[in-house]
Amino acid sequence: MAITTIRCHVLSAAVTRITNLGGEVSRIICPEYHEATGSCRILSEADTGGPLSRLLERVAEDGLTRRGSRCHLRQPLRS
């Protein structure tokens, strides 16, 4: 089990990511992360804006190919 502190560009703060021995994320410790749904509250609120607001949010996080409010920190680590 590895515990790392990483910067979340959505929150603009450090959050803690806990991974298992295989590198899969088992838990995110973040005040904006909703564990039950795996979504970020900040990204969920951004989706309530208009089309321009949603586009700008996706551009800011380099996520034009990715939509929704899922937390990008849940993705497994690349080896």
PDB file of N, CA and C in Angstrom:
ATOM      1  N   MET A   1       0.844  -1.171   0.000  1.00  0.00           N
ATOM      2  CA  MET A   1       0.000   0.000   0.000  1.00  0.00           C
ATOM      3  C   MET A   1       0.890   1.234   0.000  1.00  0.00           C
ATOM      4  N   ALA A   2       0.603   2.136  -0.903  1.00  0.00           N
ATOM      5  CA  ALA A   2       1.365   3.383  -0.986  1.00  0.00           C
ATOM      6  C   ALA A   2       0.442   4.573  -0.772  1.00  0.00           C
ATOM      7  N   ILE A   3       0.918   5.515  -0.009  1.00  0.00           N
ATOM      8  CA  ILE A   3       0.177   6.748   0.249  1.00  0.00           C
ATOM      9  C   ILE A   3       0.994   7.890  -0.351  1.00  0.00           C
ATOM     10  N   THR A   4       0.379   8.602  -1.295  1.00  0.00           N
ATOM     11  CA  THR A   4       1.063   9.719  -1.930  1.00  0.00           C
ATOM     12  C   THR A   4       0.208  10.971  -1.853  1.00  0.00           C
ATOM     13  N   THR A   5       0.860  12.082  -1.735  1.00  0.00           N
ATOM     14  CA  THR A   5       0.181  13.369  -1.770  1.00  0.00           C
ATOM     15  C   THR A   5       0.468  13.971  -3.135  1.00  0.00           C
ATOM     16  N   ILE A   6      -0.600  14.298  -3.843  1.00  0.00           N
ATOM     17  CA  ILE A   6      -0.460  14.842  -5.183  1.00  0.00           C
ATOM     18  C   ILE A   6      -1.294  16.112  -5.318  1.00  0.00           C
ATOM     19  N   ARG A   7      -0.964  16.889  -6.302  1.00  0.00           N
ATOM     20  CA  ARG A   7      -1.697  18.141  -6.539  1.00  0.00           C
ATOM     21  C   ARG A   7      -2.871  17.871  -7.478  1.00  0.00           C
ATOM     22  N   CYS A   8      -4.023  18.312  -7.061  1.00  0.00           N
ATOM     23  CA  CYS A   8      -5.218  18.227  -7.899  1.00  0.00           C
ATOM     24  C   CYS A   8      -5.411  19.592  -8.554  1.00  0.00           C
ATOM     25  N   HIS A   9      -5.357  19.638  -9.881  1.00  0.00           N
ATOM     26  CA  HIS A   9      -5.490  20.927 -10.565  1.00  0.00           C
ATOM     27  C   HIS A   9      -6.923  21.450 -10.552  1.00  0.00           C
ATOM     28  N   VAL A  10      -7.891  20.578 -10.301  1.00  0.00           N
ATOM     29  CA  VAL A  10      -9.288  21.022 -10.209  1.00  0.00           C
ATOM     30  C   VAL A  10      -9.503  21.760  -8.889  1.00  0.00           C
ATOM     31  N   LEU A  11      -8.994  21.183  -7.804  1.00  0.00           N
ATOM     32  CA  LEU A  11      -9.136  21.769  -6.472  1.00  0.00           C
ATOM     33  C   LEU A  11      -8.075  22.844  -6.227  1.00  0.00           C
ATOM     34  N   SER A  12      -6.967  22.764  -6.943  1.00  0.00           N
ATOM     35  CA  SER A  12      -5.798  23.638  -6.734  1.00  0.00           C
ATOM     36  C   SER A  12      -5.232  23.464  -5.333  1.00  0.00           C
ATOM     37  N   ALA A  13      -5.165  22.215  -4.907  1.00  0.00           N
ATOM     38  CA  ALA A  13      -4.624  21.888  -3.591  1.00  0.00           C
ATOM     39  C   ALA A  13      -4.102  20.454  -3.613  1.00  0.00           C
ATOM     40  N   ALA A  14      -3.411  20.088  -2.558  1.00  0.00           N
ATOM     41  CA  ALA A  14      -2.882  18.728  -2.448  1.00  0.00           C
ATOM     42  C   ALA A  14      -3.949  17.802  -1.876  1.00  0.00           C
ATOM     43  N   VAL A  15      -4.038  16.600  -2.426  1.00  0.00           N
ATOM     44  CA  VAL A  15      -4.929  15.559  -1.908  1.00  0.00           C
ATOM     45  C   VAL A  15      -4.103  14.285  -1.736  1.00  0.00           C
ATOM     46  N   THR A  16      -4.642  13.341  -0.989  1.00  0.00           N
ATOM     47  CA  THR A  16      -3.936  12.098  -0.715  1.00  0.00           C
ATOM     48  C   THR A  16      -4.558  10.968  -1.517  1.00  0.00           C
ATOM     49  N   ARG A  17      -3.683  10.193  -2.162  1.00  0.00           N
ATOM     50  CA  ARG A  17      -4.144   9.040  -2.931  1.00  0.00           C
ATOM     51  C   ARG A  17      -3.500   7.788  -2.326  1.00  0.00           C
ATOM     52  N   ILE A  18      -4.339   6.788  -2.040  1.00  0.00           N
ATOM     53  CA  ILE A  18      -3.867   5.526  -1.481  1.00  0.00           C
ATOM     54  C   ILE A  18      -4.019   4.455  -2.552  1.00  0.00           C
ATOM     55  N   THR A  19      -2.925   3.766  -2.849  1.00  0.00           N
ATOM     56  CA  THR A  19      -2.939   2.715  -3.868  1.00  0.00           C
ATOM     57  C   THR A  19      -2.554   1.378  -3.252  1.00  0.00           C
ATOM     58  N   ASN A  20      -2.990   0.295  -3.907  1.00  0.00           N
ATOM     59  CA  ASN A  20      -2.594  -1.030  -3.454  1.00  0.00           C
ATOM     60  C   ASN A  20      -1.260  -1.391  -4.099  1.00  0.00           C
ATOM     61  N   LEU A  21      -0.780  -2.599  -3.842  1.00  0.00           N
ATOM     62  CA  LEU A  21       0.527  -3.010  -4.372  1.00  0.00           C
ATOM     63  C   LEU A  21       0.545  -3.096  -5.890  1.00  0.00           C
ATOM     64  N   GLY A  22      -0.610  -3.280  -6.508  1.00  0.00           N
ATOM     65  CA  GLY A  22      -0.704  -3.341  -7.958  1.00  0.00           C
ATOM     66  C   GLY A  22      -0.780  -1.970  -8.623  1.00  0.00           C
ATOM     67  N   GLY A  23      -0.783  -0.905  -7.839  1.00  0.00           N
ATOM     68  CA  GLY A  23      -0.849   0.441  -8.380  1.00  0.00           C
ATOM     69  C   GLY A  23      -2.259   0.943  -8.623  1.00  0.00           C
ATOM     70  N   GLU A  24      -3.262   0.162  -8.247  1.00  0.00           N
ATOM     71  CA  GLU A  24      -4.650   0.592  -8.411  1.00  0.00           C
ATOM     72  C   GLU A  24      -5.050   1.487  -7.245  1.00  0.00           C
ATOM     73  N   VAL A  25      -5.768   2.552  -7.560  1.00  0.00           N
ATOM     74  CA  VAL A  25      -6.195   3.503  -6.534  1.00  0.00           C
ATOM     75  C   VAL A  25      -7.307   2.881  -5.704  1.00  0.00           C
ATOM     76  N   SER A  26      -7.086   2.825  -4.396  1.00  0.00           N
ATOM     77  CA  SER A  26      -8.103   2.258  -3.522  1.00  0.00           C
ATOM     78  C   SER A  26      -8.884   3.337  -2.771  1.00  0.00           C
ATOM     79  N   ARG A  27      -8.286   4.531  -2.614  1.00  0.00           N
ATOM     80  CA  ARG A  27      -8.997   5.591  -1.903  1.00  0.00           C
ATOM     81  C   ARG A  27      -8.401   6.953  -2.236  1.00  0.00           C
ATOM     82  N   ILE A  28      -9.263   7.950  -2.300  1.00  0.00           N
ATOM     83  CA  ILE A  28      -8.862   9.345  -2.476  1.00  0.00           C
ATOM     84  C   ILE A  28      -9.329  10.104  -1.238  1.00  0.00           C
ATOM     85  N   ILE A  29      -8.430  10.842  -0.631  1.00  0.00           N
ATOM     86  CA  ILE A  29      -8.796  11.650   0.530  1.00  0.00           C
ATOM     87  C   ILE A  29      -8.770  13.111   0.084  1.00  0.00           C
ATOM     88  N   CYS A  30      -9.957  13.644  -0.137  1.00  0.00           N
ATOM     89  CA  CYS A  30     -10.120  14.990  -0.668  1.00  0.00           C
ATOM     90  C   CYS A  30     -11.463  15.528  -0.175  1.00  0.00           C
ATOM     91  N   PRO A  31     -11.514  16.783   0.248  1.00  0.00           N
ATOM     92  CA  PRO A  31     -12.783  17.330   0.752  1.00  0.00           C
ATOM     93  C   PRO A  31     -13.854  17.466  -0.329  1.00  0.00           C
ATOM     94  N   GLU A  32     -13.469  17.478  -1.599  1.00  0.00           N
ATOM     95  CA  GLU A  32     -14.431  17.649  -2.685  1.00  0.00           C
ATOM     96  C   GLU A  32     -14.823  16.331  -3.355  1.00  0.00           C
ATOM     97  N   TYR A  33     -14.227  15.227  -2.911  1.00  0.00           N
ATOM     98  CA  TYR A  33     -14.467  13.932  -3.547  1.00  0.00           C
ATOM     99  C   TYR A  33     -15.588  13.188  -2.840  1.00  0.00           C
ATOM    100  N   HIS A  34     -16.548  12.686  -3.621  1.00  0.00           N
ATOM    101  CA  HIS A  34     -17.659  11.921  -3.078  1.00  0.00           C
ATOM    102  C   HIS A  34     -17.382  10.445  -3.350  1.00  0.00           C
ATOM    103  N   GLU A  35     -16.996   9.714  -2.304  1.00  0.00           N
ATOM    104  CA  GLU A  35     -16.542   8.325  -2.434  1.00  0.00           C
ATOM    105  C   GLU A  35     -17.601   7.409  -3.055  1.00  0.00           C
ATOM    106  N   ALA A  36     -18.846   7.575  -2.687  1.00  0.00           N
ATOM    107  CA  ALA A  36     -19.904   6.678  -3.162  1.00  0.00           C
ATOM    108  C   ALA A  36     -20.096   6.734  -4.680  1.00  0.00           C
ATOM    109  N   THR A  37     -19.967   7.921  -5.248  1.00  0.00           N
ATOM    110  CA  THR A  37     -20.181   8.068  -6.691  1.00  0.00           C
ATOM    111  C   THR A  37     -18.882   8.180  -7.479  1.00  0.00           C
ATOM    112  N   GLY A  38     -17.766   8.406  -6.790  1.00  0.00           N
ATOM    113  CA  GLY A  38     -16.489   8.575  -7.469  1.00  0.00           C
ATOM    114  C   GLY A  38     -16.397   9.889  -8.218  1.00  0.00           C
ATOM    115  N   SER A  39     -17.200  10.857  -7.801  1.00  0.00           N
ATOM    116  CA  SER A  39     -17.232  12.131  -8.522  1.00  0.00           C
ATOM    117  C   SER A  39     -16.674  13.265  -7.671  1.00  0.00           C
ATOM    118  N   CYS A  40     -16.277  14.313  -8.367  1.00  0.00           N
ATOM    119  CA  CYS A  40     -15.740  15.511  -7.733  1.00  0.00           C
ATOM    120  C   CYS A  40     -16.858  16.555  -7.656  1.00  0.00           C
ATOM    121  N   ARG A  41     -17.058  17.125  -6.490  1.00  0.00           N
ATOM    122  CA  ARG A  41     -18.125  18.117  -6.318  1.00  0.00           C
ATOM    123  C   ARG A  41     -17.880  19.343  -7.191  1.00  0.00           C
ATOM    124  N   ILE A  42     -16.632  19.745  -7.332  1.00  0.00           N
ATOM    125  CA  ILE A  42     -16.325  20.925  -8.140  1.00  0.00           C
ATOM    126  C   ILE A  42     -16.670  20.675  -9.601  1.00  0.00           C
ATOM    127  N   LEU A  43     -16.305  19.488 -10.126  1.00  0.00           N
ATOM    128  CA  LEU A  43     -16.634  19.172 -11.515  1.00  0.00           C
ATOM    129  C   LEU A  43     -18.142  19.028 -11.703  1.00  0.00           C
ATOM    130  N   SER A  44     -18.827  18.498 -10.697  1.00  0.00           N
ATOM    131  CA  SER A  44     -20.281  18.362 -10.785  1.00  0.00           C
ATOM    132  C   SER A  44     -20.942  19.724 -10.878  1.00  0.00           C
ATOM    133  N   GLU A  45     -20.445  20.686 -10.116  1.00  0.00           N
ATOM    134  CA  GLU A  45     -21.010  22.038 -10.159  1.00  0.00           C
ATOM    135  C   GLU A  45     -20.681  22.729 -11.474  1.00  0.00           C
ATOM    136  N   ALA A  46     -19.532  22.417 -12.067  1.00  0.00           N
ATOM    137  CA  ALA A  46     -19.174  23.029 -13.352  1.00  0.00           C
ATOM    138  C   ALA A  46     -20.145  22.598 -14.442  1.00  0.00           C
ATOM    139  N   ASP A  47     -20.691  21.381 -14.320  1.00  0.00           N
ATOM    140  CA  ASP A  47     -21.642  20.893 -15.314  1.00  0.00           C
ATOM    141  C   ASP A  47     -22.972  21.629 -15.272  1.00  0.00           C
ATOM    142  N   THR A  48     -23.221  22.401 -14.217  1.00  0.00           N
ATOM    143  CA  THR A  48     -24.479  23.142 -14.140  1.00  0.00           C
ATOM    144  C   THR A  48     -24.406  24.455 -14.916  1.00  0.00           C
ATOM    145  N   GLY A  49     -23.198  24.847 -15.342  1.00  0.00           N
ATOM    146  CA  GLY A  49     -23.036  26.057 -16.134  1.00  0.00           C
ATOM    147  C   GLY A  49     -23.485  25.824 -17.568  1.00  0.00           C
ATOM    148  N   GLY A  50     -23.356  26.842 -18.367  1.00  0.00           N
ATOM    149  CA  GLY A  50     -23.732  26.745 -19.773  1.00  0.00           C
ATOM    150  C   GLY A  50     -22.674  26.034 -20.597  1.00  0.00           C
ATOM    151  N   PRO A  51     -22.910  25.904 -21.894  1.00  0.00           N
ATOM    152  CA  PRO A  51     -21.965  25.201 -22.768  1.00  0.00           C
ATOM    153  C   PRO A  51     -20.560  25.798 -22.761  1.00  0.00           C
ATOM    154  N   LEU A  52     -20.451  27.112 -22.740  1.00  0.00           N
ATOM    155  CA  LEU A  52     -19.135  27.741 -22.720  1.00  0.00           C
ATOM    156  C   LEU A  52     -18.411  27.434 -21.409  1.00  0.00           C
ATOM    157  N   SER A  53     -19.133  27.476 -20.307  1.00  0.00           N
ATOM    158  CA  SER A  53     -18.551  27.162 -19.008  1.00  0.00           C
ATOM    159  C   SER A  53     -18.012  25.739 -18.981  1.00  0.00           C
ATOM    160  N   ARG A  54     -18.774  24.789 -19.519  1.00  0.00           N
ATOM    161  CA  ARG A  54     -18.340  23.388 -19.549  1.00  0.00           C
ATOM    162  C   ARG A  54     -17.118  23.214 -20.442  1.00  0.00           C
ATOM    163  N   LEU A  55     -17.102  23.898 -21.591  1.00  0.00           N
ATOM    164  CA  LEU A  55     -15.955  23.805 -22.490  1.00  0.00           C
ATOM    165  C   LEU A  55     -14.695  24.354 -21.832  1.00  0.00           C
ATOM    166  N   LEU A  56     -14.806  25.515 -21.203  1.00  0.00           N
ATOM    167  CA  LEU A  56     -13.654  26.119 -20.560  1.00  0.00           C
ATOM    168  C   LEU A  56     -13.129  25.246 -19.421  1.00  0.00           C
ATOM    169  N   GLU A  57     -14.011  24.616 -18.691  1.00  0.00           N
ATOM    170  CA  GLU A  57     -13.596  23.721 -17.611  1.00  0.00           C
ATOM    171  C   GLU A  57     -12.831  22.532 -18.158  1.00  0.00           C
ATOM    172  N   ARG A  58     -13.317  21.956 -19.262  1.00  0.00           N
ATOM    173  CA  ARG A  58     -12.647  20.797 -19.851  1.00  0.00           C
ATOM    174  C   ARG A  58     -11.308  21.186 -20.460  1.00  0.00           C
ATOM    175  N   VAL A  59     -11.208  22.376 -21.043  1.00  0.00           N
ATOM    176  CA  VAL A  59      -9.941  22.848 -21.600  1.00  0.00           C
ATOM    177  C   VAL A  59      -8.940  23.067 -20.468  1.00  0.00           C
ATOM    178  N   ALA A  60      -9.397  23.644 -19.366  1.00  0.00           N
ATOM    179  CA  ALA A  60      -8.519  23.939 -18.241  1.00  0.00           C
ATOM    180  C   ALA A  60      -7.914  22.669 -17.648  1.00  0.00           C
ATOM    181  N   GLU A  61      -8.625  21.578 -17.715  1.00  0.00           N
ATOM    182  CA  GLU A  61      -8.099  20.342 -17.140  1.00  0.00           C
ATOM    183  C   GLU A  61      -7.595  19.381 -18.212  1.00  0.00           C
ATOM    184  N   ASP A  62      -7.371  19.889 -19.422  1.00  0.00           N
ATOM    185  CA  ASP A  62      -6.876  19.063 -20.530  1.00  0.00           C
ATOM    186  C   ASP A  62      -7.742  17.826 -20.728  1.00  0.00           C
ATOM    187  N   GLY A  63      -9.042  17.993 -20.614  1.00  0.00           N
ATOM    188  CA  GLY A  63      -9.931  16.845 -20.704  1.00  0.00           C
ATOM    189  C   GLY A  63     -10.961  16.952 -21.792  1.00  0.00           C
ATOM    190  N   LEU A  64     -10.582  17.431 -22.962  1.00  0.00           N
ATOM    191  CA  LEU A  64     -11.564  17.582 -24.032  1.00  0.00           C
ATOM    192  C   LEU A  64     -12.148  16.247 -24.468  1.00  0.00           C
ATOM    193  N   THR A  65     -11.396  15.168 -24.321  1.00  0.00           N
ATOM    194  CA  THR A  65     -11.916  13.856 -24.712  1.00  0.00           C
ATOM    195  C   THR A  65     -12.692  13.213 -23.577  1.00  0.00           C
ATOM    196  N   ARG A  66     -12.678  13.830 -22.425  1.00  0.00           N
ATOM    197  CA  ARG A  66     -13.302  13.242 -21.242  1.00  0.00           C
ATOM    198  C   ARG A  66     -14.407  14.163 -20.760  1.00  0.00           C
ATOM    199  N   ARG A  67     -15.581  13.621 -20.510  1.00  0.00           N
ATOM    200  CA  ARG A  67     -16.690  14.424 -20.006  1.00  0.00           C
ATOM    201  C   ARG A  67     -17.146  13.879 -18.674  1.00  0.00           C
ATOM    202  N   GLY A  68     -17.852  14.692 -17.949  1.00  0.00           N
ATOM    203  CA  GLY A  68     -18.448  14.246 -16.710  1.00  0.00           C
ATOM    204  C   GLY A  68     -17.724  14.764 -15.485  1.00  0.00           C
ATOM    205  N   SER A  69     -18.129  14.265 -14.341  1.00  0.00           N
ATOM    206  CA  SER A  69     -17.623  14.771 -13.072  1.00  0.00           C
ATOM    207  C   SER A  69     -16.762  13.750 -12.341  1.00  0.00           C
ATOM    208  N   ARG A  70     -16.321  12.704 -13.047  1.00  0.00           N
ATOM    209  CA  ARG A  70     -15.491  11.684 -12.420  1.00  0.00           C
ATOM    210  C   ARG A  70     -14.150  12.271 -12.002  1.00  0.00           C
ATOM    211  N   CYS A  71     -13.632  11.804 -10.899  1.00  0.00           N
ATOM    212  CA  CYS A  71     -12.354  12.281 -10.396  1.00  0.00           C
ATOM    213  C   CYS A  71     -11.226  11.669 -11.217  1.00  0.00           C
ATOM    214  N   HIS A  72     -10.394  12.503 -11.829  1.00  0.00           N
ATOM    215  CA  HIS A  72      -9.295  12.011 -12.659  1.00  0.00           C
ATOM    216  C   HIS A  72      -8.202  11.344 -11.833  1.00  0.00           C
ATOM    217  N   LEU A  73      -8.181  11.565 -10.527  1.00  0.00           N
ATOM    218  CA  LEU A  73      -7.170  10.953  -9.671  1.00  0.00           C
ATOM    219  C   LEU A  73      -7.472   9.488  -9.362  1.00  0.00           C
ATOM    220  N   ARG A  74      -8.658   9.014  -9.731  1.00  0.00           N
ATOM    221  CA  ARG A  74      -9.025   7.612  -9.502  1.00  0.00           C
ATOM    222  C   ARG A  74      -8.386   6.682 -10.513  1.00  0.00           C
ATOM    223  N   GLN A  75      -7.846   7.208 -11.585  1.00  0.00           N
ATOM    224  CA  GLN A  75      -7.269   6.370 -12.626  1.00  0.00           C
ATOM    225  C   GLN A  75      -5.999   5.712 -12.112  1.00  0.00           C
ATOM    226  N   PRO A  76      -5.733   4.460 -12.534  1.00  0.00           N
ATOM    227  CA  PRO A  76      -4.559   3.748 -12.049  1.00  0.00           C
ATOM    228  C   PRO A  76      -3.264   4.429 -12.476  1.00  0.00           C
ATOM    229  N   LEU A  77      -2.248   4.222 -11.688  1.00  0.00           N
ATOM    230  CA  LEU A  77      -0.937   4.789 -11.993  1.00  0.00           C
ATOM    231  C   LEU A  77      -0.328   4.061 -13.180  1.00  0.00           C
ATOM    232  N   ARG A  78       0.375   4.790 -14.004  1.00  0.00           N
ATOM    233  CA  ARG A  78       1.060   4.178 -15.142  1.00  0.00           C
ATOM    234  C   ARG A  78       2.460   3.776 -14.723  1.00  0.00           C
ATOM    235  N   SER A  79       2.885   2.593 -15.115  1.00  0.00           N
ATOM    236  CA  SER A  79       4.225   2.156 -14.739  1.00  0.00           C
ATOM    237  C   SER A  79       5.222   2.381 -15.841  1.00  0.00           C
TER     238      SER A  79
END
